[in-house]
N, C-alpha and C. Protein backbone atom coordinates (compact mmCIF):
# COMPACT_ATOMS: atom_id res chain seq x y z
N MET A 1 113.38 -85.94 81.52
CA MET A 1 113.10 -87.05 82.41
C MET A 1 112.64 -86.50 83.74
N SER A 2 111.52 -87.00 84.24
CA SER A 2 110.99 -86.54 85.53
C SER A 2 111.65 -87.30 86.67
N ALA A 3 111.45 -86.80 87.88
CA ALA A 3 112.00 -87.47 89.06
C ALA A 3 111.42 -88.87 89.21
N ALA A 4 110.18 -89.05 88.77
CA ALA A 4 109.54 -90.36 88.86
C ALA A 4 110.26 -91.38 87.97
N ASP A 5 110.78 -90.92 86.81
CA ASP A 5 111.49 -91.81 85.90
C ASP A 5 112.88 -92.15 86.43
N ALA A 6 113.46 -91.29 87.26
CA ALA A 6 114.83 -91.46 87.72
C ALA A 6 114.95 -92.50 88.83
N GLY A 7 113.90 -92.85 89.48
CA GLY A 7 114.00 -93.80 90.57
C GLY A 7 112.67 -93.99 91.25
N PRO A 8 112.69 -94.61 92.43
CA PRO A 8 111.43 -94.88 93.13
C PRO A 8 110.75 -93.61 93.60
N ASN A 9 109.43 -93.67 93.67
CA ASN A 9 108.68 -92.54 94.23
C ASN A 9 108.08 -92.98 95.56
N ALA A 10 107.42 -92.08 96.24
CA ALA A 10 106.89 -92.38 97.57
C ALA A 10 105.89 -93.53 97.54
N GLU A 11 105.06 -93.57 96.51
CA GLU A 11 104.05 -94.63 96.42
C GLU A 11 104.71 -96.00 96.24
N THR A 12 105.69 -96.10 95.33
CA THR A 12 106.38 -97.36 95.08
C THR A 12 107.14 -97.81 96.32
N ALA A 13 107.86 -96.89 96.95
CA ALA A 13 108.62 -97.24 98.15
C ALA A 13 107.69 -97.72 99.26
N GLY A 14 106.55 -97.05 99.45
CA GLY A 14 105.59 -97.47 100.46
C GLY A 14 105.06 -98.86 100.20
N ARG A 15 104.76 -99.16 98.93
CA ARG A 15 104.29 -100.49 98.57
C ARG A 15 105.35 -101.56 98.85
N ARG A 16 106.60 -101.24 98.53
CA ARG A 16 107.69 -102.22 98.75
C ARG A 16 107.89 -102.49 100.24
N VAL A 17 107.84 -101.44 101.06
CA VAL A 17 107.97 -101.64 102.51
C VAL A 17 106.85 -102.53 103.02
N GLU A 18 105.61 -102.27 102.58
CA GLU A 18 104.47 -103.09 103.00
C GLU A 18 104.66 -104.55 102.57
N GLU A 19 105.16 -104.77 101.34
CA GLU A 19 105.38 -106.14 100.86
C GLU A 19 106.40 -106.87 101.73
N VAL A 20 107.50 -106.19 102.09
CA VAL A 20 108.53 -106.82 102.93
C VAL A 20 107.96 -107.15 104.31
N LEU A 21 107.22 -106.19 104.88
CA LEU A 21 106.62 -106.44 106.20
C LEU A 21 105.60 -107.58 106.13
N ASP A 22 104.84 -107.67 105.05
CA ASP A 22 103.88 -108.76 104.88
C ASP A 22 104.60 -110.11 104.77
N ARG A 23 105.73 -110.13 104.02
CA ARG A 23 106.50 -111.38 103.91
C ARG A 23 107.01 -111.83 105.27
N LEU A 24 107.52 -110.87 106.05
CA LEU A 24 108.00 -111.20 107.40
C LEU A 24 106.86 -111.74 108.27
N ALA A 25 105.70 -111.10 108.17
CA ALA A 25 104.55 -111.54 108.97
C ALA A 25 104.12 -112.95 108.56
N SER A 26 104.24 -113.28 107.28
CA SER A 26 103.82 -114.61 106.81
C SER A 26 104.74 -115.72 107.32
N LEU A 27 105.96 -115.36 107.75
CA LEU A 27 106.88 -116.36 108.29
C LEU A 27 106.49 -116.80 109.70
N GLY A 28 105.64 -116.01 110.34
CA GLY A 28 105.14 -116.39 111.66
C GLY A 28 106.04 -116.00 112.82
N ASP A 29 107.15 -115.33 112.58
CA ASP A 29 108.04 -114.91 113.66
C ASP A 29 107.61 -113.51 114.11
N ARG A 30 106.80 -113.50 115.16
CA ARG A 30 106.23 -112.23 115.64
C ARG A 30 107.31 -111.25 116.10
N ALA A 31 108.35 -111.74 116.76
CA ALA A 31 109.43 -110.86 117.25
C ALA A 31 110.16 -110.21 116.08
N ALA A 32 110.44 -110.97 115.01
CA ALA A 32 111.12 -110.41 113.84
C ALA A 32 110.23 -109.36 113.16
N CYS A 33 108.95 -109.64 113.10
CA CYS A 33 108.00 -108.70 112.47
C CYS A 33 107.94 -107.40 113.27
N GLU A 34 107.87 -107.49 114.59
CA GLU A 34 107.84 -106.29 115.42
C GLU A 34 109.14 -105.50 115.31
N ALA A 35 110.28 -106.20 115.24
CA ALA A 35 111.58 -105.53 115.09
C ALA A 35 111.65 -104.80 113.76
N ALA A 36 111.15 -105.43 112.70
CA ALA A 36 111.16 -104.80 111.38
C ALA A 36 110.28 -103.54 111.37
N GLU A 37 109.11 -103.62 111.98
CA GLU A 37 108.22 -102.45 112.05
C GLU A 37 108.86 -101.34 112.86
N GLU A 38 109.56 -101.68 113.95
CA GLU A 38 110.26 -100.65 114.73
C GLU A 38 111.38 -100.02 113.92
N LEU A 39 112.10 -100.82 113.15
CA LEU A 39 113.17 -100.30 112.30
C LEU A 39 112.62 -99.30 111.29
N VAL A 40 111.50 -99.64 110.68
CA VAL A 40 110.87 -98.72 109.71
C VAL A 40 110.50 -97.41 110.41
N ARG A 41 109.90 -97.49 111.60
CA ARG A 41 109.51 -96.28 112.34
C ARG A 41 110.72 -95.41 112.67
N VAL A 42 111.83 -96.04 113.14
CA VAL A 42 113.03 -95.29 113.51
C VAL A 42 113.62 -94.60 112.28
N LEU A 43 113.69 -95.31 111.17
CA LEU A 43 114.23 -94.71 109.94
C LEU A 43 113.34 -93.56 109.45
N MET A 44 112.02 -93.76 109.52
CA MET A 44 111.10 -92.69 109.11
C MET A 44 111.30 -91.45 109.97
N GLU A 45 111.44 -91.63 111.27
CA GLU A 45 111.67 -90.49 112.16
C GLU A 45 112.99 -89.81 111.83
N PHE A 46 114.02 -90.62 111.55
CA PHE A 46 115.34 -90.06 111.26
C PHE A 46 115.34 -89.21 110.00
N TYR A 47 114.92 -89.77 108.88
CA TYR A 47 115.00 -88.95 107.67
C TYR A 47 113.89 -87.91 107.62
N GLY A 48 112.80 -88.12 108.35
CA GLY A 48 111.79 -87.05 108.46
C GLY A 48 112.34 -85.85 109.18
N ALA A 49 113.10 -86.09 110.27
CA ALA A 49 113.74 -84.99 111.00
C ALA A 49 114.78 -84.30 110.11
N GLY A 50 115.48 -85.07 109.30
CA GLY A 50 116.47 -84.49 108.38
C GLY A 50 115.82 -83.58 107.36
N PHE A 51 114.69 -84.02 106.80
CA PHE A 51 113.99 -83.17 105.83
C PHE A 51 113.43 -81.92 106.50
N ALA A 52 112.91 -82.07 107.71
CA ALA A 52 112.39 -80.90 108.43
C ALA A 52 113.51 -79.88 108.64
N ARG A 53 114.68 -80.38 109.01
CA ARG A 53 115.82 -79.49 109.23
C ARG A 53 116.25 -78.81 107.93
N ALA A 54 116.28 -79.55 106.82
CA ALA A 54 116.68 -78.97 105.53
C ALA A 54 115.72 -77.86 105.12
N VAL A 55 114.42 -78.10 105.26
CA VAL A 55 113.44 -77.08 104.89
C VAL A 55 113.60 -75.87 105.81
N ASP A 56 113.82 -76.10 107.09
CA ASP A 56 114.01 -75.01 108.04
C ASP A 56 115.25 -74.18 107.67
N LEU A 57 116.35 -74.84 107.39
CA LEU A 57 117.59 -74.13 107.05
C LEU A 57 117.45 -73.35 105.75
N LEU A 58 116.81 -73.96 104.76
CA LEU A 58 116.64 -73.28 103.48
C LEU A 58 115.70 -72.08 103.60
N GLY A 59 114.73 -72.16 104.51
CA GLY A 59 113.76 -71.09 104.65
C GLY A 59 114.20 -69.96 105.56
N ARG A 60 115.30 -70.10 106.27
CA ARG A 60 115.74 -69.06 107.21
C ARG A 60 116.24 -67.80 106.53
N ARG A 61 116.85 -67.95 105.38
CA ARG A 61 117.45 -66.79 104.71
C ARG A 61 116.41 -66.16 103.79
N PRO A 62 116.16 -64.87 103.95
CA PRO A 62 115.11 -64.23 103.15
C PRO A 62 115.52 -63.91 101.72
N GLU A 63 116.80 -64.05 101.38
CA GLU A 63 117.18 -63.68 100.01
C GLU A 63 116.59 -64.65 98.99
N ARG A 64 116.45 -64.17 97.81
CA ARG A 64 115.76 -64.88 96.75
C ARG A 64 116.32 -66.28 96.45
N PRO A 65 117.64 -66.50 96.39
CA PRO A 65 118.10 -67.85 96.05
C PRO A 65 117.58 -68.93 96.99
N ALA A 66 117.45 -68.63 98.27
CA ALA A 66 116.93 -69.63 99.21
C ALA A 66 115.47 -69.94 98.91
N ARG A 67 114.67 -68.92 98.59
CA ARG A 67 113.27 -69.15 98.25
C ARG A 67 113.16 -69.99 96.98
N GLU A 68 114.02 -69.71 96.02
CA GLU A 68 114.01 -70.49 94.78
C GLU A 68 114.38 -71.94 95.06
N ALA A 69 115.33 -72.16 95.97
CA ALA A 69 115.72 -73.53 96.32
C ALA A 69 114.57 -74.26 97.00
N VAL A 70 113.88 -73.60 97.91
CA VAL A 70 112.73 -74.23 98.58
C VAL A 70 111.65 -74.53 97.56
N ASP A 71 111.37 -73.59 96.65
CA ASP A 71 110.36 -73.84 95.61
C ASP A 71 110.74 -75.04 94.75
N ALA A 72 112.03 -75.14 94.41
CA ALA A 72 112.49 -76.28 93.61
C ALA A 72 112.28 -77.59 94.37
N LEU A 73 112.57 -77.60 95.67
CA LEU A 73 112.35 -78.80 96.48
C LEU A 73 110.87 -79.17 96.50
N LEU A 74 110.02 -78.18 96.65
CA LEU A 74 108.58 -78.44 96.75
C LEU A 74 107.98 -78.89 95.43
N ARG A 75 108.60 -78.54 94.29
CA ARG A 75 108.11 -78.96 92.97
C ARG A 75 108.64 -80.34 92.57
N ASP A 76 109.68 -80.81 93.24
CA ASP A 76 110.27 -82.10 92.92
C ASP A 76 109.37 -83.22 93.43
N GLU A 77 109.01 -84.17 92.54
CA GLU A 77 108.07 -85.23 92.93
C GLU A 77 108.59 -86.08 94.09
N LEU A 78 109.87 -86.46 94.06
CA LEU A 78 110.42 -87.31 95.11
C LEU A 78 110.46 -86.57 96.44
N VAL A 79 111.01 -85.37 96.45
CA VAL A 79 111.11 -84.60 97.69
C VAL A 79 109.72 -84.24 98.21
N ALA A 80 108.85 -83.78 97.30
CA ALA A 80 107.49 -83.43 97.72
C ALA A 80 106.78 -84.65 98.31
N GLY A 81 106.98 -85.82 97.70
CA GLY A 81 106.36 -87.04 98.23
C GLY A 81 106.84 -87.36 99.63
N LEU A 82 108.14 -87.18 99.88
CA LEU A 82 108.68 -87.42 101.22
C LEU A 82 108.16 -86.41 102.22
N LEU A 83 108.10 -85.15 101.81
CA LEU A 83 107.60 -84.11 102.70
C LEU A 83 106.13 -84.36 103.06
N VAL A 84 105.33 -84.75 102.08
CA VAL A 84 103.92 -85.06 102.33
C VAL A 84 103.81 -86.27 103.26
N LEU A 85 104.61 -87.29 102.98
CA LEU A 85 104.59 -88.51 103.79
C LEU A 85 104.82 -88.22 105.26
N HIS A 86 105.66 -87.24 105.54
CA HIS A 86 105.99 -86.89 106.93
C HIS A 86 105.18 -85.73 107.47
N GLY A 87 104.23 -85.23 106.69
CA GLY A 87 103.42 -84.11 107.16
C GLY A 87 104.22 -82.82 107.24
N LEU A 88 105.29 -82.70 106.44
CA LEU A 88 106.16 -81.52 106.49
C LEU A 88 105.96 -80.56 105.33
N HIS A 89 105.17 -80.96 104.34
CA HIS A 89 104.98 -80.09 103.18
C HIS A 89 104.22 -78.84 103.63
N PRO A 90 104.77 -77.65 103.33
CA PRO A 90 104.13 -76.43 103.83
C PRO A 90 102.84 -76.04 103.13
N HIS A 91 102.54 -76.64 101.98
CA HIS A 91 101.34 -76.28 101.24
C HIS A 91 100.17 -77.18 101.62
N ASP A 92 98.97 -76.61 101.59
CA ASP A 92 97.78 -77.41 101.87
C ASP A 92 97.43 -78.28 100.66
N ALA A 93 96.49 -79.19 100.86
CA ALA A 93 96.11 -80.14 99.81
C ALA A 93 95.66 -79.45 98.52
N PRO A 94 94.79 -78.42 98.57
CA PRO A 94 94.39 -77.79 97.31
C PRO A 94 95.57 -77.19 96.52
N THR A 95 96.55 -76.63 97.22
CA THR A 95 97.71 -76.06 96.54
C THR A 95 98.55 -77.17 95.92
N ARG A 96 98.74 -78.27 96.64
CA ARG A 96 99.52 -79.38 96.11
C ARG A 96 98.80 -80.04 94.94
N ILE A 97 97.47 -80.12 95.00
CA ILE A 97 96.69 -80.66 93.88
C ILE A 97 96.89 -79.78 92.65
N ALA A 98 96.84 -78.46 92.84
CA ALA A 98 97.05 -77.54 91.72
C ALA A 98 98.44 -77.72 91.11
N HIS A 99 99.47 -77.88 91.94
CA HIS A 99 100.83 -78.13 91.42
C HIS A 99 100.85 -79.40 90.59
N ALA A 100 100.23 -80.45 91.08
CA ALA A 100 100.20 -81.73 90.36
C ALA A 100 99.49 -81.58 89.02
N LEU A 101 98.37 -80.88 89.00
CA LEU A 101 97.61 -80.71 87.76
C LEU A 101 98.36 -79.85 86.76
N ASP A 102 99.14 -78.88 87.24
CA ASP A 102 99.95 -78.05 86.34
C ASP A 102 101.00 -78.86 85.60
N ALA A 103 101.41 -79.99 86.15
CA ALA A 103 102.46 -80.82 85.55
C ALA A 103 101.92 -81.80 84.50
N LEU A 104 100.61 -81.85 84.31
CA LEU A 104 100.03 -82.81 83.37
C LEU A 104 100.27 -82.41 81.92
N PRO A 105 100.27 -83.38 81.00
CA PRO A 105 100.51 -83.07 79.58
C PRO A 105 99.34 -82.38 78.89
N GLN A 106 98.22 -82.26 79.57
CA GLN A 106 97.04 -81.59 79.01
C GLN A 106 96.39 -80.77 80.12
N ASP A 107 95.82 -79.64 79.76
CA ASP A 107 95.14 -78.82 80.75
C ASP A 107 93.88 -79.53 81.22
N VAL A 108 93.69 -79.53 82.54
CA VAL A 108 92.47 -80.07 83.13
C VAL A 108 91.94 -79.06 84.12
N GLU A 109 90.64 -79.10 84.31
CA GLU A 109 89.99 -78.20 85.27
C GLU A 109 89.62 -79.00 86.51
N ASN A 110 90.01 -78.50 87.67
CA ASN A 110 89.64 -79.10 88.94
C ASN A 110 88.22 -78.62 89.24
N THR A 111 87.26 -79.54 89.20
CA THR A 111 85.87 -79.14 89.46
C THR A 111 85.45 -79.44 90.89
N GLY A 112 86.40 -79.92 91.71
CA GLY A 112 86.08 -80.11 93.12
C GLY A 112 86.86 -81.24 93.75
N PHE A 113 87.23 -81.05 95.02
CA PHE A 113 87.90 -82.08 95.80
C PHE A 113 87.14 -82.26 97.11
N ASP A 114 86.80 -83.50 97.41
CA ASP A 114 86.11 -83.82 98.66
C ASP A 114 87.12 -84.44 99.62
N PRO A 115 87.59 -83.68 100.62
CA PRO A 115 88.61 -84.21 101.52
C PRO A 115 88.11 -85.38 102.38
N VAL A 116 86.81 -85.52 102.54
CA VAL A 116 86.27 -86.61 103.35
C VAL A 116 86.40 -87.94 102.60
N THR A 117 86.03 -87.95 101.32
CA THR A 117 86.09 -89.19 100.54
C THR A 117 87.39 -89.33 99.77
N GLY A 118 88.12 -88.23 99.58
CA GLY A 118 89.36 -88.25 98.81
C GLY A 118 89.12 -88.18 97.31
N GLU A 119 87.87 -87.92 96.90
CA GLU A 119 87.55 -87.86 95.48
C GLU A 119 87.88 -86.49 94.90
N LEU A 120 88.59 -86.51 93.77
CA LEU A 120 88.90 -85.30 93.00
C LEU A 120 88.17 -85.40 91.68
N ARG A 121 87.42 -84.36 91.34
CA ARG A 121 86.69 -84.34 90.08
C ARG A 121 87.45 -83.44 89.10
N LEU A 122 87.71 -83.99 87.92
CA LEU A 122 88.46 -83.26 86.90
C LEU A 122 87.68 -83.24 85.60
N ARG A 123 87.97 -82.22 84.81
CA ARG A 123 87.36 -82.10 83.49
C ARG A 123 88.48 -81.69 82.52
N PRO A 124 88.64 -82.41 81.41
CA PRO A 124 89.63 -82.00 80.41
C PRO A 124 89.24 -80.65 79.83
N VAL A 125 90.23 -79.83 79.55
CA VAL A 125 89.99 -78.53 78.93
C VAL A 125 90.43 -78.65 77.49
N SER A 126 89.51 -78.38 76.57
CA SER A 126 89.85 -78.49 75.16
C SER A 126 90.85 -77.41 74.79
N SER A 127 91.80 -77.81 74.00
CA SER A 127 92.76 -76.84 73.49
C SER A 127 93.10 -77.22 72.06
N GLY A 128 93.66 -76.30 71.35
CA GLY A 128 94.01 -76.54 69.95
C GLY A 128 95.16 -77.51 69.80
N GLY A 129 96.01 -77.64 70.82
CA GLY A 129 97.19 -78.50 70.72
C GLY A 129 96.89 -79.93 71.10
N CYS A 130 97.88 -80.76 70.91
CA CYS A 130 97.75 -82.17 71.28
C CYS A 130 98.35 -82.34 72.66
N GLY A 131 97.54 -82.73 73.61
CA GLY A 131 98.02 -82.89 74.97
C GLY A 131 98.25 -84.34 75.34
N GLY A 132 98.02 -85.26 74.43
CA GLY A 132 98.20 -86.66 74.75
C GLY A 132 96.85 -87.35 74.83
N SER A 133 96.90 -88.68 74.83
CA SER A 133 95.67 -89.44 74.87
C SER A 133 95.02 -89.33 76.25
N ARG A 134 93.75 -89.63 76.30
CA ARG A 134 93.00 -89.58 77.57
C ARG A 134 93.64 -90.53 78.58
N ASP A 135 94.01 -91.74 78.14
CA ASP A 135 94.64 -92.71 79.04
C ASP A 135 95.96 -92.17 79.59
N ALA A 136 96.76 -91.53 78.74
CA ALA A 136 98.05 -90.99 79.19
C ALA A 136 97.84 -89.88 80.21
N VAL A 137 96.85 -89.04 80.00
CA VAL A 137 96.56 -87.95 80.93
C VAL A 137 96.07 -88.52 82.26
N GLU A 138 95.19 -89.52 82.21
CA GLU A 138 94.70 -90.14 83.44
C GLU A 138 95.83 -90.81 84.22
N ARG A 139 96.71 -91.50 83.52
CA ARG A 139 97.85 -92.17 84.17
C ARG A 139 98.78 -91.13 84.79
N ALA A 140 99.07 -90.06 84.05
CA ALA A 140 99.93 -89.00 84.57
C ALA A 140 99.29 -88.34 85.79
N ALA A 141 97.98 -88.15 85.75
CA ALA A 141 97.27 -87.54 86.89
C ALA A 141 97.40 -88.43 88.12
N ARG A 142 97.16 -89.73 87.97
CA ARG A 142 97.27 -90.66 89.10
C ARG A 142 98.68 -90.64 89.69
N ASP A 143 99.69 -90.74 88.82
CA ASP A 143 101.08 -90.80 89.29
C ASP A 143 101.49 -89.52 89.99
N THR A 144 101.17 -88.39 89.39
CA THR A 144 101.58 -87.11 89.95
C THR A 144 100.84 -86.81 91.25
N LEU A 145 99.54 -87.10 91.27
CA LEU A 145 98.77 -86.87 92.49
C LEU A 145 99.24 -87.77 93.63
N ALA A 146 99.70 -88.98 93.32
CA ALA A 146 100.20 -89.88 94.36
C ALA A 146 101.40 -89.26 95.08
N CYS A 147 102.21 -88.52 94.34
CA CYS A 147 103.39 -87.88 94.95
C CYS A 147 103.04 -86.59 95.68
N PHE A 148 102.29 -85.72 95.01
CA PHE A 148 102.02 -84.40 95.57
C PHE A 148 100.82 -84.35 96.51
N ALA A 149 99.83 -85.18 96.26
CA ALA A 149 98.59 -85.10 97.05
C ALA A 149 98.00 -86.50 97.26
N PRO A 150 98.64 -87.31 98.12
CA PRO A 150 98.12 -88.67 98.33
C PRO A 150 96.75 -88.69 99.00
N GLU A 151 96.27 -87.53 99.45
CA GLU A 151 94.90 -87.45 99.98
C GLU A 151 93.88 -87.78 98.91
N VAL A 152 94.26 -87.59 97.64
CA VAL A 152 93.37 -87.91 96.53
C VAL A 152 93.41 -89.42 96.34
N THR A 153 92.29 -90.06 96.65
CA THR A 153 92.22 -91.52 96.54
C THR A 153 91.40 -91.98 95.35
N ALA A 154 90.66 -91.05 94.73
CA ALA A 154 89.86 -91.39 93.55
C ALA A 154 89.75 -90.15 92.67
N VAL A 155 89.82 -90.38 91.36
CA VAL A 155 89.67 -89.29 90.40
C VAL A 155 88.48 -89.63 89.51
N THR A 156 87.54 -88.71 89.43
CA THR A 156 86.37 -88.86 88.58
C THR A 156 86.49 -87.86 87.44
N TRP A 157 86.36 -88.35 86.22
CA TRP A 157 86.47 -87.48 85.04
C TRP A 157 85.08 -87.08 84.58
N GLU A 158 84.88 -85.79 84.45
CA GLU A 158 83.62 -85.25 83.95
C GLU A 158 83.78 -85.00 82.45
N PRO A 159 82.66 -84.82 81.75
CA PRO A 159 82.75 -84.57 80.31
C PRO A 159 83.55 -83.32 80.00
N ASP A 160 84.16 -83.32 78.84
CA ASP A 160 84.95 -82.19 78.35
C ASP A 160 84.09 -80.93 78.35
N ALA A 161 84.66 -79.83 78.81
CA ALA A 161 83.93 -78.56 78.88
C ALA A 161 83.44 -78.13 77.51
N ALA A 162 84.17 -78.48 76.45
CA ALA A 162 83.78 -78.06 75.10
C ALA A 162 82.56 -78.83 74.63
N SER A 163 82.34 -80.05 75.14
CA SER A 163 81.19 -80.81 74.69
C SER A 163 79.91 -80.20 75.23
N GLY A 164 79.98 -79.53 76.37
CA GLY A 164 78.90 -78.74 76.95
C GLY A 164 77.52 -79.30 76.76
N PRO A 165 76.51 -78.53 77.14
CA PRO A 165 75.14 -79.00 76.98
C PRO A 165 74.73 -78.98 75.51
N VAL A 166 73.84 -79.87 75.17
CA VAL A 166 73.34 -79.94 73.81
C VAL A 166 72.33 -78.81 73.63
N LEU A 167 72.48 -78.06 72.53
CA LEU A 167 71.55 -76.98 72.23
C LEU A 167 70.44 -77.52 71.34
N LEU A 168 69.23 -77.18 71.69
CA LEU A 168 68.08 -77.63 70.91
C LEU A 168 67.60 -76.50 70.02
N GLN A 169 67.21 -76.85 68.80
CA GLN A 169 66.65 -75.88 67.87
C GLN A 169 65.19 -75.67 68.26
N ILE A 170 64.82 -74.44 68.48
CA ILE A 170 63.44 -74.14 68.86
C ILE A 170 62.72 -73.67 67.61
N GLY A 171 61.66 -74.39 67.27
CA GLY A 171 60.88 -74.04 66.09
C GLY A 171 59.77 -73.06 66.45
N ALA A 172 58.94 -72.76 65.45
CA ALA A 172 57.85 -71.81 65.64
C ALA A 172 56.67 -72.43 66.37
N GLY A 173 56.62 -73.71 66.50
CA GLY A 173 55.49 -74.35 67.17
C GLY A 173 55.78 -75.82 67.38
N PRO A 174 54.82 -76.53 67.93
CA PRO A 174 55.03 -77.94 68.16
C PRO A 174 55.18 -78.69 66.83
N PRO A 175 55.82 -79.86 66.88
CA PRO A 175 55.99 -80.62 65.64
C PRO A 175 54.64 -80.90 64.98
N GLY A 176 54.59 -80.74 63.67
CA GLY A 176 53.38 -81.02 62.91
C GLY A 176 52.42 -79.84 62.82
N ALA A 177 52.63 -78.80 63.62
CA ALA A 177 51.73 -77.64 63.58
C ALA A 177 52.11 -76.79 62.38
N SER A 178 51.12 -76.08 61.85
CA SER A 178 51.42 -75.21 60.71
C SER A 178 52.09 -73.95 61.24
N PRO A 179 53.07 -73.45 60.49
CA PRO A 179 53.77 -72.25 60.95
C PRO A 179 52.81 -71.06 60.99
N SER A 180 52.92 -70.24 61.99
CA SER A 180 52.08 -69.06 62.08
C SER A 180 52.88 -67.91 62.64
N GLY A 181 52.42 -66.72 62.41
CA GLY A 181 53.09 -65.52 62.90
C GLY A 181 52.61 -65.19 64.29
N PRO A 182 53.00 -64.03 64.82
CA PRO A 182 52.65 -63.65 66.19
C PRO A 182 51.15 -63.49 66.40
N ASN A 183 50.39 -63.22 65.37
CA ASN A 183 48.95 -63.03 65.55
C ASN A 183 48.14 -64.24 65.12
N GLY A 184 48.81 -65.38 64.95
CA GLY A 184 48.11 -66.61 64.59
C GLY A 184 47.97 -66.82 63.11
N ARG A 185 48.32 -65.83 62.29
CA ARG A 185 48.25 -65.97 60.84
C ARG A 185 49.59 -66.43 60.31
N PRO A 186 49.58 -67.04 59.13
CA PRO A 186 50.87 -67.43 58.55
C PRO A 186 51.75 -66.21 58.35
N PRO A 187 53.06 -66.38 58.50
CA PRO A 187 53.97 -65.25 58.33
C PRO A 187 53.99 -64.81 56.88
N ALA A 188 54.27 -63.53 56.68
CA ALA A 188 54.36 -62.97 55.34
C ALA A 188 55.59 -63.53 54.65
N THR A 189 55.46 -63.78 53.38
CA THR A 189 56.62 -64.26 52.63
C THR A 189 56.91 -63.26 51.54
N ALA A 190 58.14 -63.23 51.17
CA ALA A 190 58.52 -62.31 50.10
C ALA A 190 58.16 -62.92 48.77
N ALA A 191 57.69 -62.09 47.86
CA ALA A 191 57.34 -62.57 46.52
C ALA A 191 58.60 -62.87 45.75
N PRO A 192 58.54 -63.91 44.88
CA PRO A 192 59.72 -64.24 44.09
C PRO A 192 60.10 -63.19 43.11
């Protein structure tokens, strides 16, 4: 069971907060809406500072168990989502995208990320094993990228690398022409 299955993730929690704030705004009480937005900001600052402190404390000790603990925190979808949300994740977007893609049920190739548009281009990598249906892989990619790399706002799937370019059979001449050898004469044939 993944962390996403165990409870809310950053994307779901963000959507729920927005829904509550929208409901408050629809009531028309501007003071209540402003108070709710301030409450959200104060709570975000509070637990963001707590996460910053935890990462700092875990990273202070150079011995291996502390590094393993930090790595475990950074691989966890819920914790990684919170760290990204607060701008505290120590890895850049390409590294976080790679972590997310490594967690997919099928190998995919990252063929490019445009940080301006947020578009990530992916290509399935053919393998002998069963990695799951295309829909399942796309859904897993969206969910995992939302936690690890919310900068990715669109995923474009390119054709499978194994399908590659179509190879054309090259004949001895244009269609309908009689076959000829290098000197313009018909090629020699072996006698039966």
